[in-house]
């Protein structure tokens, strides 16, 4: 596992080297800087996992540096302030700007190590909680006693021990991200970040900036690759990546380094990549829609996640799991499925896979009454669901996806309709949709609609 990378910023050489030696003895990787300019350069070279920052320095004081970072995109990582002449006001200001803690000099080495350990752990838990809120649902261990699921769990645990790239294939809602997180939990990188990126949600033409980051004068935007440093980067629906981002990613995986957009210095790649797709990626390569070199980089170990209809014997266990989850986490009233209802659902095709089953359970717990969920209630709910699916199909929109992605897909469909309706006249279109023209141009670019092509 890659050890956390810590930046020590202090103008006193003895303190810098002492802290560096102590941290390296604890197996951390350490870089040092003597002043604000050195700290800025160190942040350009690599995103740290934690910064130890002195307050009094010859060029820029630590509080001003902390304010500069917090006003851009927020602090790049936890920051622990250090000072031999600090005041209560200084400590309060540092905390207001987001500093994790404030250590007084002369440093207590035991307190220093404990504070560093706690700051790193708090940051890891915060990122993990954000990831779990985005993931819907999260399953610590994929549910199911069917032979397919048992074999798949064992395969993923074996693959997890080898630091190779993995390509997960399977239908939407089948549990690809669940297995990616399961692999992360059993890998040597389990204590480092798991960053999940939905390629579909990245606006067309913006993939390079989102993945690799950007530099503008003193401003640094860390992309997903650096956010996942030392851990795992999960690229969901990788087949939807735009050509420019594909080329940059292939180059980065080939050379082990990349440049941020607008950046000069090369940044090392220290990440394990797991990619997922609903498509046959080899076929996409043959059709010229996906780079062949990138396909071979990602497809080191292929893993296929089967659709729910291929392991329907797991349906009763999944029903019970999601009932317990919603009762415990969302305080919904407990209800159980009758044998007739379970049998009916075991014979259902599940076009939306595990995600569809989870949504069905949630709907029945919210809208239903009584302790038992009958077969008739299940059939009525599935009928209503099929009606909703038909409405989504008429729009060319899948309803079995997170709300943000569904909203973005709908916006694109709506704006394409309006642009065609007004024959490419953005002024008339802006009047009908109720948007200022400049904002409308931005929105069209963001969803990947080329106005010239429409005209």
Protein backbone atom coordinates (compact mmCIF):
# COMPACT_ATOMS: atom_id res chain seq x y z
CA UNK A 1 0.00 0.00 0.00
CA UNK A 2 1.22 3.54 -0.76
CA UNK A 3 1.96 5.47 2.44
CA UNK A 4 0.35 8.91 2.99
CA UNK A 5 2.32 11.83 1.52
CA UNK A 6 2.91 14.75 3.93
CA UNK A 7 4.21 18.24 3.16
CA UNK A 8 6.10 20.03 5.97
CA UNK A 9 6.32 23.83 5.55
CA UNK A 10 8.60 25.60 8.04
CA UNK A 11 11.32 28.25 7.65
CA UNK A 12 13.52 26.71 10.38
CA UNK A 13 15.76 24.03 8.81
CA UNK A 14 16.27 22.14 12.09
CA UNK A 15 12.52 21.79 12.69
CA UNK A 16 11.87 20.82 9.06
CA UNK A 17 14.45 18.06 9.11
CA UNK A 18 13.47 16.84 12.59
CA UNK A 19 9.79 16.55 11.68
CA UNK A 20 10.72 14.92 8.34
CA UNK A 21 12.89 12.30 10.05
CA UNK A 22 10.22 11.51 12.65
CA UNK A 23 7.49 11.10 10.05
CA UNK A 24 9.69 8.97 7.79
CA UNK A 25 10.48 6.72 10.75
CA UNK A 26 6.71 6.17 10.96
CA UNK A 27 6.74 5.18 7.24
CA UNK A 28 5.13 8.35 5.89
CA UNK A 29 6.45 9.87 2.65
CA UNK A 30 7.56 13.46 3.31
CA UNK A 31 8.38 16.57 1.27
CA UNK A 32 9.53 19.87 2.75
CA UNK A 33 9.31 23.57 1.88
CA UNK A 34 10.99 26.55 3.55
CA UNK A 35 8.44 29.25 2.70
CA UNK A 36 5.18 30.06 0.96
CA UNK A 37 6.68 29.99 -2.53
CA UNK A 38 8.15 26.56 -1.87
CA UNK A 39 4.79 25.35 -0.55
CA UNK A 40 2.99 26.54 -3.70
CA UNK A 41 5.53 24.77 -5.90
CA UNK A 42 5.22 21.57 -3.86
CA UNK A 43 1.44 21.63 -4.37
CA UNK A 44 1.99 21.94 -8.12
CA UNK A 45 4.27 18.92 -8.12
CA UNK A 46 1.97 16.66 -6.14
CA UNK A 47 -1.21 16.76 -4.08
CA UNK A 48 -0.32 15.96 -0.45
CA UNK A 49 -2.47 13.93 1.92
CA UNK A 50 -1.69 16.32 4.80
CA UNK A 51 0.18 19.61 5.33
CA UNK A 52 2.06 20.73 8.45
CA UNK A 53 2.20 24.52 8.09
CA UNK A 54 4.21 27.03 10.10
CA UNK A 55 2.60 30.42 10.71
CA UNK A 56 5.58 32.77 10.67
CA UNK A 57 7.61 32.59 7.44
CA UNK A 58 9.75 35.16 5.60
CA UNK A 59 7.58 35.69 2.51
CA UNK A 60 3.97 34.69 3.28
CA UNK A 61 2.55 33.88 6.69
CA UNK A 62 0.75 30.56 7.14
CA UNK A 63 -2.65 32.14 7.78
CA UNK A 64 -2.50 34.04 4.47
CA UNK A 65 -1.48 30.83 2.70
CA UNK A 66 -4.33 28.96 4.37
CA UNK A 67 -6.77 31.68 3.26
CA UNK A 68 -5.43 31.56 -0.32
CA UNK A 69 -6.01 27.82 -0.52
CA UNK A 70 -9.43 27.87 1.13
CA UNK A 71 -10.72 30.61 -1.20
CA UNK A 72 -9.87 28.65 -4.35
CA UNK A 73 -11.46 25.18 -4.24
CA UNK A 74 -11.11 24.64 -0.51
CA UNK A 75 -8.12 23.17 1.28
CA UNK A 76 -6.44 20.44 -0.78
CA UNK A 77 -6.11 18.19 2.30
CA UNK A 78 -6.09 18.44 6.12
CA UNK A 79 -3.79 21.24 7.38
CA UNK A 80 -2.20 21.26 10.84
CA UNK A 81 -0.82 24.67 11.87
CA UNK A 82 2.40 25.04 13.90
CA UNK A 83 3.67 28.09 15.79
CA UNK A 84 5.86 29.08 18.70
CA UNK A 85 4.24 32.49 19.04
CA UNK A 86 0.58 31.82 18.34
CA UNK A 87 -2.31 33.64 19.95
CA UNK A 88 -5.89 32.59 20.64
CA UNK A 89 -7.02 34.88 17.79
CA UNK A 90 -4.58 33.21 15.40
CA UNK A 91 -5.79 29.74 16.37
CA UNK A 92 -9.44 30.79 15.97
CA UNK A 93 -8.73 32.28 12.52
CA UNK A 94 -6.88 29.12 11.42
CA UNK A 95 -9.80 26.96 12.54
CA UNK A 96 -12.27 29.23 10.76
CA UNK A 97 -10.29 28.81 7.55
CA UNK A 98 -10.48 25.04 7.87
CA UNK A 99 -7.29 24.00 9.67
CA UNK A 100 -7.66 20.63 11.39
CA UNK A 101 -5.62 21.52 14.50
CA UNK A 102 -3.07 23.95 15.96
CA UNK A 103 0.20 22.71 17.52
CA UNK A 104 2.42 24.86 19.69
CA UNK A 105 6.22 24.85 19.48
CA UNK A 106 8.36 23.34 20.86
CA UNK A 107 6.54 20.36 19.37
CA UNK A 108 5.59 17.38 21.46
CA UNK A 109 6.56 14.49 19.19
CA UNK A 110 3.93 12.17 20.67
CA UNK A 111 1.21 14.79 20.16
CA UNK A 112 2.47 15.53 16.64
CA UNK A 113 2.20 11.88 15.57
CA UNK A 114 -1.19 11.44 17.23
CA UNK A 115 -2.59 14.59 15.59
CA UNK A 116 -1.26 13.53 12.16
CA UNK A 117 -2.80 10.08 12.56
CA UNK A 118 -6.16 11.48 13.64
CA UNK A 119 -6.24 14.09 10.85
CA UNK A 120 -5.55 11.46 8.18
CA UNK A 121 -8.18 9.12 9.64
CA UNK A 122 -10.80 11.89 9.87
CA UNK A 123 -10.14 12.86 6.24
CA UNK A 124 -10.41 9.23 5.12
CA UNK A 125 -13.72 8.75 6.93
CA UNK A 126 -15.11 12.02 5.56
CA UNK A 127 -14.29 10.99 1.98
CA UNK A 128 -15.69 7.53 2.60
CA UNK A 129 -18.96 8.96 3.93
CA UNK A 130 -19.30 11.28 0.93
CA UNK A 131 -18.74 8.32 -1.38
CA UNK A 132 -21.31 6.19 0.42
CA UNK A 133 -23.91 8.97 0.25
CA UNK A 134 -23.38 9.12 -3.51
CA UNK A 135 -23.57 5.34 -3.81
CA UNK A 136 -27.15 4.15 -3.82
CA UNK A 137 -27.23 1.49 -2.56
CA UNK A 138 -24.01 0.51 -0.83
CA UNK A 139 -23.52 -3.15 -0.03
CA UNK A 140 -20.44 -3.97 2.05
CA UNK A 141 -20.48 -7.51 0.68
CA UNK A 142 -22.47 -8.37 -2.46
CA UNK A 143 -25.57 -10.30 -1.40
CA UNK A 144 -26.39 -13.76 -2.74
CA UNK A 145 -25.71 -17.45 -2.09
CA UNK A 146 -26.15 -18.56 -5.72
CA UNK A 147 -23.16 -20.35 -7.30
CA UNK A 148 -22.60 -17.38 -9.65
CA UNK A 149 -22.34 -14.87 -6.80
CA UNK A 150 -20.18 -17.12 -4.63
CA UNK A 151 -17.72 -17.66 -7.50
CA UNK A 152 -17.71 -13.96 -8.33
CA UNK A 153 -16.98 -12.90 -4.74
CA UNK A 154 -14.06 -15.35 -4.55
CA UNK A 155 -12.72 -14.18 -7.92
CA UNK A 156 -12.86 -10.53 -6.87
CA UNK A 157 -11.08 -11.26 -3.56
CA UNK A 158 -8.27 -13.05 -5.42
CA UNK A 159 -7.91 -10.25 -7.97
CA UNK A 160 -7.92 -7.64 -5.17
CA UNK A 161 -4.54 -8.89 -3.89
CA UNK A 162 -2.78 -8.12 -7.19
CA UNK A 163 -2.31 -4.44 -8.06
CA UNK A 164 -3.63 -4.79 -11.62
CA UNK A 165 -6.22 -2.79 -13.55
CA UNK A 166 -9.66 -4.36 -13.85
CA UNK A 167 -12.48 -3.98 -16.39
CA UNK A 168 -15.94 -4.71 -14.95
CA UNK A 169 -18.66 -5.38 -17.50
CA UNK A 170 -22.37 -5.80 -16.92
CA UNK A 171 -25.77 -4.20 -17.30
CA UNK A 172 -26.67 -0.97 -15.44
CA UNK A 173 -27.93 -1.70 -11.94
CA UNK A 174 -26.29 -5.14 -11.79
CA UNK A 175 -23.83 -4.17 -9.06
CA UNK A 176 -20.61 -3.22 -10.86
CA UNK A 177 -19.77 -0.44 -8.39
CA UNK A 178 -20.65 -2.70 -5.48
CA UNK A 179 -18.05 -5.21 -6.66
CA UNK A 180 -15.53 -2.42 -7.29
CA UNK A 181 -15.90 -1.28 -3.67
CA UNK A 182 -15.75 -4.91 -2.51
CA UNK A 183 -12.44 -5.27 -4.37
CA UNK A 184 -11.15 -2.07 -2.77
CA UNK A 185 -12.10 -3.35 0.71
CA UNK A 186 -10.03 -6.52 0.16
CA UNK A 187 -7.03 -4.88 -1.51
CA UNK A 188 -3.77 -3.55 0.01
CA UNK A 189 -5.09 -0.06 -0.88
CA UNK A 190 -8.13 -0.41 1.40
CA UNK A 191 -7.02 2.45 3.68
CA UNK A 192 -6.48 4.85 0.78
CA UNK A 193 -9.19 6.72 -1.21
CA UNK A 194 -11.84 5.15 -3.41
CA UNK A 195 -12.87 7.83 -5.93
CA UNK A 196 -15.84 6.96 -8.13
CA UNK A 197 -16.28 8.93 -11.36
CA UNK A 198 -19.36 8.68 -13.56
CA UNK A 199 -17.99 9.43 -17.03
CA UNK A 200 -21.56 9.99 -18.26
CA UNK A 201 -21.96 12.93 -15.87
CA UNK A 202 -18.82 14.71 -17.10
CA UNK A 203 -19.78 17.32 -19.68
CA UNK A 204 -18.52 16.62 -23.20
CA UNK A 205 -15.08 18.15 -23.76
CA UNK A 206 -14.51 18.61 -20.03
CA UNK A 207 -13.21 15.11 -19.31
CA UNK A 208 -9.53 16.11 -19.39
CA UNK A 209 -9.97 18.83 -16.74
CA UNK A 210 -12.08 16.62 -14.48
CA UNK A 211 -9.69 13.67 -14.66
CA UNK A 212 -6.31 15.41 -14.78
CA UNK A 213 -6.97 18.75 -13.09
CA UNK A 214 -5.93 22.23 -14.18
CA UNK A 215 -3.52 25.05 -13.32
CA UNK A 216 -4.15 28.81 -13.61
CA UNK A 217 -1.47 31.09 -12.09
CA UNK A 218 -1.62 30.33 -8.33
CA UNK A 219 -4.81 28.29 -8.64
CA UNK A 220 -4.64 24.48 -8.79
CA UNK A 221 -7.61 22.22 -9.44
CA UNK A 222 -6.78 18.62 -8.51
CA UNK A 223 -8.47 16.14 -10.84
CA UNK A 224 -9.89 12.76 -9.95
CA UNK A 225 -6.58 10.95 -10.59
CA UNK A 226 -4.79 12.99 -7.92
CA UNK A 227 -7.75 12.78 -5.55
CA UNK A 228 -7.41 8.99 -5.74
CA UNK A 229 -3.61 9.03 -5.23
CA UNK A 230 -2.47 5.86 -3.50
CA UNK A 231 -5.95 4.37 -3.78
CA UNK A 232 -8.46 3.33 -6.42
CA UNK A 233 -10.05 5.34 -9.24
CA UNK A 234 -13.35 3.82 -10.42
CA UNK A 235 -14.36 4.96 -13.90
CA UNK A 236 -18.01 4.09 -14.43
CA UNK A 237 -19.27 3.86 -18.04
CA UNK A 238 -15.74 4.38 -19.35
CA UNK A 239 -16.96 3.81 -22.95
CA UNK A 240 -18.57 7.29 -22.80
CA UNK A 241 -15.21 9.05 -22.30
CA UNK A 242 -14.57 11.74 -24.93
CA UNK A 243 -11.70 11.14 -27.42
CA UNK A 244 -9.37 13.80 -25.96
CA UNK A 245 -9.66 12.40 -22.45
CA UNK A 246 -9.13 8.86 -23.82
CA UNK A 247 -5.88 9.95 -25.48
CA UNK A 248 -4.60 11.67 -22.33
CA UNK A 249 -5.52 8.72 -20.11
CA UNK A 250 -3.82 6.24 -22.46
CA UNK A 251 -0.69 8.39 -22.43
CA UNK A 252 -0.73 8.69 -18.65
CA UNK A 253 -1.09 4.94 -18.15
CA UNK A 254 1.66 4.30 -20.67
CA UNK A 255 4.21 6.75 -19.23
CA UNK A 256 3.17 6.79 -15.57
CA UNK A 257 2.92 10.61 -15.61
CA UNK A 258 0.53 13.30 -16.83
CA UNK A 259 0.19 17.08 -17.04
CA UNK A 260 -2.70 19.06 -15.62
CA UNK A 261 -4.55 21.21 -18.16
CA UNK A 262 -2.45 24.36 -18.43
CA UNK A 263 0.29 22.82 -16.29
CA UNK A 264 4.03 22.51 -17.03
CA UNK A 265 5.32 20.02 -14.47
CA UNK A 266 4.69 16.29 -14.93
CA UNK A 267 2.72 14.58 -12.15
CA UNK A 268 3.24 10.91 -11.29
CA UNK A 269 0.34 8.46 -11.56
CA UNK A 270 -0.05 6.47 -8.35
CA UNK A 271 -3.48 4.91 -8.63
CA UNK A 272 -5.16 1.58 -9.36
CA UNK A 273 -7.84 1.91 -12.01
CA UNK A 274 -11.08 -0.07 -12.08
CA UNK A 275 -13.24 0.67 -15.11
CA UNK A 276 -16.84 -0.39 -15.76
CA UNK A 277 -18.96 -0.51 -18.89
CA UNK A 278 -22.33 -1.77 -20.10
CA UNK A 279 -20.95 -2.20 -23.62
CA UNK A 280 -18.74 -4.75 -25.35
CA UNK A 281 -15.62 -2.58 -25.29
CA UNK A 282 -13.80 -4.73 -27.86
CA UNK A 283 -16.67 -4.09 -30.27
CA UNK A 284 -16.42 -0.37 -29.56
CA UNK A 285 -12.72 -0.56 -30.47
CA UNK A 286 -13.59 -2.35 -33.72
CA UNK A 287 -16.14 0.38 -34.52
CA UNK A 288 -13.54 3.11 -33.94
CA UNK A 289 -15.41 4.49 -30.90
CA UNK A 290 -12.79 3.60 -28.27
CA UNK A 291 -8.98 3.69 -28.36
CA UNK A 292 -7.40 0.28 -28.76
CA UNK A 293 -4.35 1.11 -26.62
CA UNK A 294 -6.55 2.33 -23.76
CA UNK A 295 -8.71 -0.80 -24.02
CA UNK A 296 -5.64 -3.02 -23.56
CA UNK A 297 -4.44 -0.89 -20.62
CA UNK A 298 -7.79 -1.27 -18.83
CA UNK A 299 -8.63 -4.85 -19.77
CA UNK A 300 -5.83 -6.53 -17.78
CA UNK A 301 -8.32 -8.56 -15.72
CA UNK A 302 -11.88 -8.71 -17.10
CA UNK A 303 -14.71 -9.42 -14.63
CA UNK A 304 -18.32 -9.87 -15.73
CA UNK A 305 -21.14 -9.05 -13.28
CA UNK A 306 -24.23 -11.10 -14.27
CA UNK A 307 -27.72 -9.56 -14.54
CA UNK A 308 -30.16 -10.43 -11.76
CA UNK A 309 -32.25 -12.62 -14.07
CA UNK A 310 -29.29 -15.03 -14.24
CA UNK A 311 -29.23 -15.59 -10.46
CA UNK A 312 -32.88 -15.17 -9.49
CA UNK A 313 -32.48 -17.57 -6.56
CA UNK A 314 -30.83 -14.61 -4.77
CA UNK A 315 -34.01 -12.50 -5.00
CA UNK A 316 -35.48 -13.52 -1.58
CA UNK A 317 -32.19 -12.75 0.18
CA UNK A 318 -31.91 -9.40 -1.60
CA UNK A 319 -35.49 -8.52 -0.63
CA UNK A 320 -34.72 -9.23 3.02
CA UNK A 321 -31.48 -7.28 2.86
CA UNK A 322 -33.08 -4.13 1.46
CA UNK A 323 -36.05 -4.31 3.85
CA UNK A 324 -33.60 -4.40 6.79
CA UNK A 325 -31.53 -1.59 5.25
CA UNK A 326 -34.48 0.78 4.81
CA UNK A 327 -35.89 -0.02 8.25
CA UNK A 328 -32.55 0.65 9.92
CA UNK A 329 -31.25 3.59 7.88
CA UNK A 330 -34.44 5.42 6.86
CA UNK A 331 -36.72 4.35 9.71
CA UNK A 332 -39.34 2.96 7.32
CA UNK A 333 -41.93 0.58 8.82
CA UNK A 334 -40.97 -3.09 8.70
CA UNK A 335 -42.89 -5.27 6.25
CA UNK A 336 -42.18 -8.78 4.98
CA UNK A 337 -42.86 -10.35 1.58
CA UNK A 338 -45.34 -13.25 1.46
CA UNK A 339 -44.19 -16.50 -0.14
CA UNK A 340 -46.44 -15.78 -3.11
CA UNK A 341 -44.86 -12.35 -3.56
CA UNK A 342 -41.36 -13.80 -3.30
CA UNK A 343 -42.16 -16.51 -5.82
CA UNK A 344 -43.61 -13.95 -8.26
CA UNK A 345 -40.49 -11.80 -7.97
CA UNK A 346 -38.22 -14.83 -8.47
CA UNK A 347 -39.88 -15.32 -11.84
CA UNK A 348 -39.69 -11.66 -12.87
CA UNK A 349 -37.11 -10.63 -15.52
CA UNK A 350 -35.66 -7.62 -13.61
CA UNK A 351 -34.64 -5.40 -16.56
CA UNK A 352 -33.28 -2.86 -14.06
CA UNK A 353 -31.42 -5.56 -12.08
CA UNK A 354 -30.58 -5.12 -8.36
CA UNK A 355 -31.22 -1.36 -8.53
CA UNK A 356 -34.78 -2.00 -9.74
CA UNK A 357 -35.35 -4.49 -6.91
CA UNK A 358 -34.05 -2.02 -4.34
CA UNK A 359 -36.32 0.75 -5.67
CA UNK A 360 -39.31 -1.61 -5.59
CA UNK A 361 -38.68 -2.50 -1.94
CA UNK A 362 -38.40 1.16 -0.97
CA UNK A 363 -41.63 2.03 -2.79
CA UNK A 364 -43.57 -0.80 -1.13
CA UNK A 365 -42.34 0.17 2.35
CA UNK A 366 -43.26 3.84 1.83
CA UNK A 367 -46.63 3.44 0.14
CA UNK A 368 -47.92 0.11 1.46
CA UNK A 369 -49.81 -0.76 4.64
CA UNK A 370 -49.81 -3.81 6.87
CA UNK A 371 -46.96 -6.09 7.90
CA UNK A 372 -47.20 -8.40 4.87
CA UNK A 373 -46.53 -7.49 1.24
CA UNK A 374 -48.86 -9.62 -0.87
CA UNK A 375 -48.44 -10.92 -4.40
CA UNK A 376 -51.26 -8.65 -5.61
CA UNK A 377 -49.49 -5.59 -4.16
CA UNK A 378 -46.24 -6.60 -5.86
CA UNK A 379 -47.98 -7.11 -9.20
CA UNK A 380 -49.67 -3.71 -8.95
CA UNK A 381 -46.35 -2.03 -8.10
CA UNK A 382 -44.59 -3.71 -11.03
CA UNK A 383 -47.40 -2.63 -13.34
CA UNK A 384 -47.00 0.99 -12.25
CA UNK A 385 -43.24 0.67 -12.67
CA UNK A 386 -43.60 -0.63 -16.22
CA UNK A 387 -45.83 2.36 -17.00
CA UNK A 388 -43.14 4.71 -15.71
CA UNK A 389 -40.49 2.85 -17.69
CA UNK A 390 -42.60 3.19 -20.85
CA UNK A 391 -42.79 6.95 -20.30
CA UNK A 392 -39.01 7.08 -19.90
CA UNK A 393 -38.52 4.93 -23.00
CA UNK A 394 -40.65 7.31 -25.07
CA UNK A 395 -38.22 10.05 -24.12
CA UNK A 396 -35.21 7.82 -24.75
CA UNK A 397 -34.39 8.12 -21.05
CA UNK A 398 -33.49 5.32 -18.60
CA UNK A 399 -35.14 5.77 -15.21
CA UNK A 400 -32.84 3.23 -13.55
CA UNK A 401 -30.03 5.66 -12.80
CA UNK A 402 -29.14 8.26 -10.13
CA UNK A 403 -31.25 11.45 -10.14
CA UNK A 404 -28.36 13.71 -11.18
CA UNK A 405 -27.60 11.61 -14.28
CA UNK A 406 -31.30 11.31 -15.17
CA UNK A 407 -31.71 15.09 -14.86
CA UNK A 408 -28.67 15.74 -17.08
CA UNK A 409 -29.95 13.27 -19.69
CA UNK A 410 -33.40 14.90 -19.65
CA UNK A 411 -31.88 18.38 -20.01
CA UNK A 412 -29.99 17.27 -23.12
CA UNK A 413 -33.13 15.72 -24.67
CA UNK A 414 -35.17 18.85 -23.84
CA UNK A 415 -32.59 21.30 -25.20
CA UNK A 416 -32.09 19.27 -28.39
CA UNK A 417 -35.86 19.35 -28.93
CA UNK A 418 -36.04 23.11 -28.39
CA UNK A 419 -33.05 23.78 -30.65
CA UNK A 420 -34.56 21.71 -33.46
CA UNK A 421 -37.95 23.33 -32.93
CA UNK A 422 -36.44 26.80 -33.44
CA UNK A 423 -34.15 25.66 -36.30
CA UNK A 424 -30.99 26.58 -34.38
CA UNK A 425 -32.15 30.10 -33.48
CA UNK A 426 -30.80 30.48 -29.92
CA UNK A 427 -32.49 33.87 -29.38
CA UNK A 428 -35.98 32.43 -29.96
CA UNK A 429 -35.10 29.31 -28.01
CA UNK A 430 -33.91 31.38 -25.03
CA UNK A 431 -37.26 33.20 -24.92
CA UNK A 432 -39.25 29.95 -24.82
CA UNK A 433 -37.10 28.09 -22.26
CA UNK A 434 -36.83 31.18 -20.05
CA UNK A 435 -33.04 31.49 -19.93
CA UNK A 436 -30.70 34.39 -20.60
CA UNK A 437 -28.92 33.73 -23.94
CA UNK A 438 -25.38 33.68 -22.52
CA UNK A 439 -26.40 31.14 -19.87
CA UNK A 440 -28.16 29.08 -22.51
CA UNK A 441 -24.99 28.94 -24.64
CA UNK A 442 -23.06 27.69 -21.60
CA UNK A 443 -25.72 25.08 -20.85
CA UNK A 444 -25.71 23.82 -24.45
CA UNK A 445 -21.93 23.44 -24.39
CA UNK A 446 -22.07 21.73 -20.99
CA UNK A 447 -24.43 19.00 -22.22
CA UNK A 448 -22.42 18.52 -25.43
CA UNK A 449 -24.79 20.10 -28.01
CA UNK A 450 -23.01 21.70 -30.96
CA UNK A 451 -25.09 24.64 -32.24
CA UNK A 452 -23.29 24.84 -35.61
CA UNK A 453 -24.19 21.23 -36.37
CA UNK A 454 -27.86 21.94 -35.67
CA UNK A 455 -27.88 24.97 -37.94
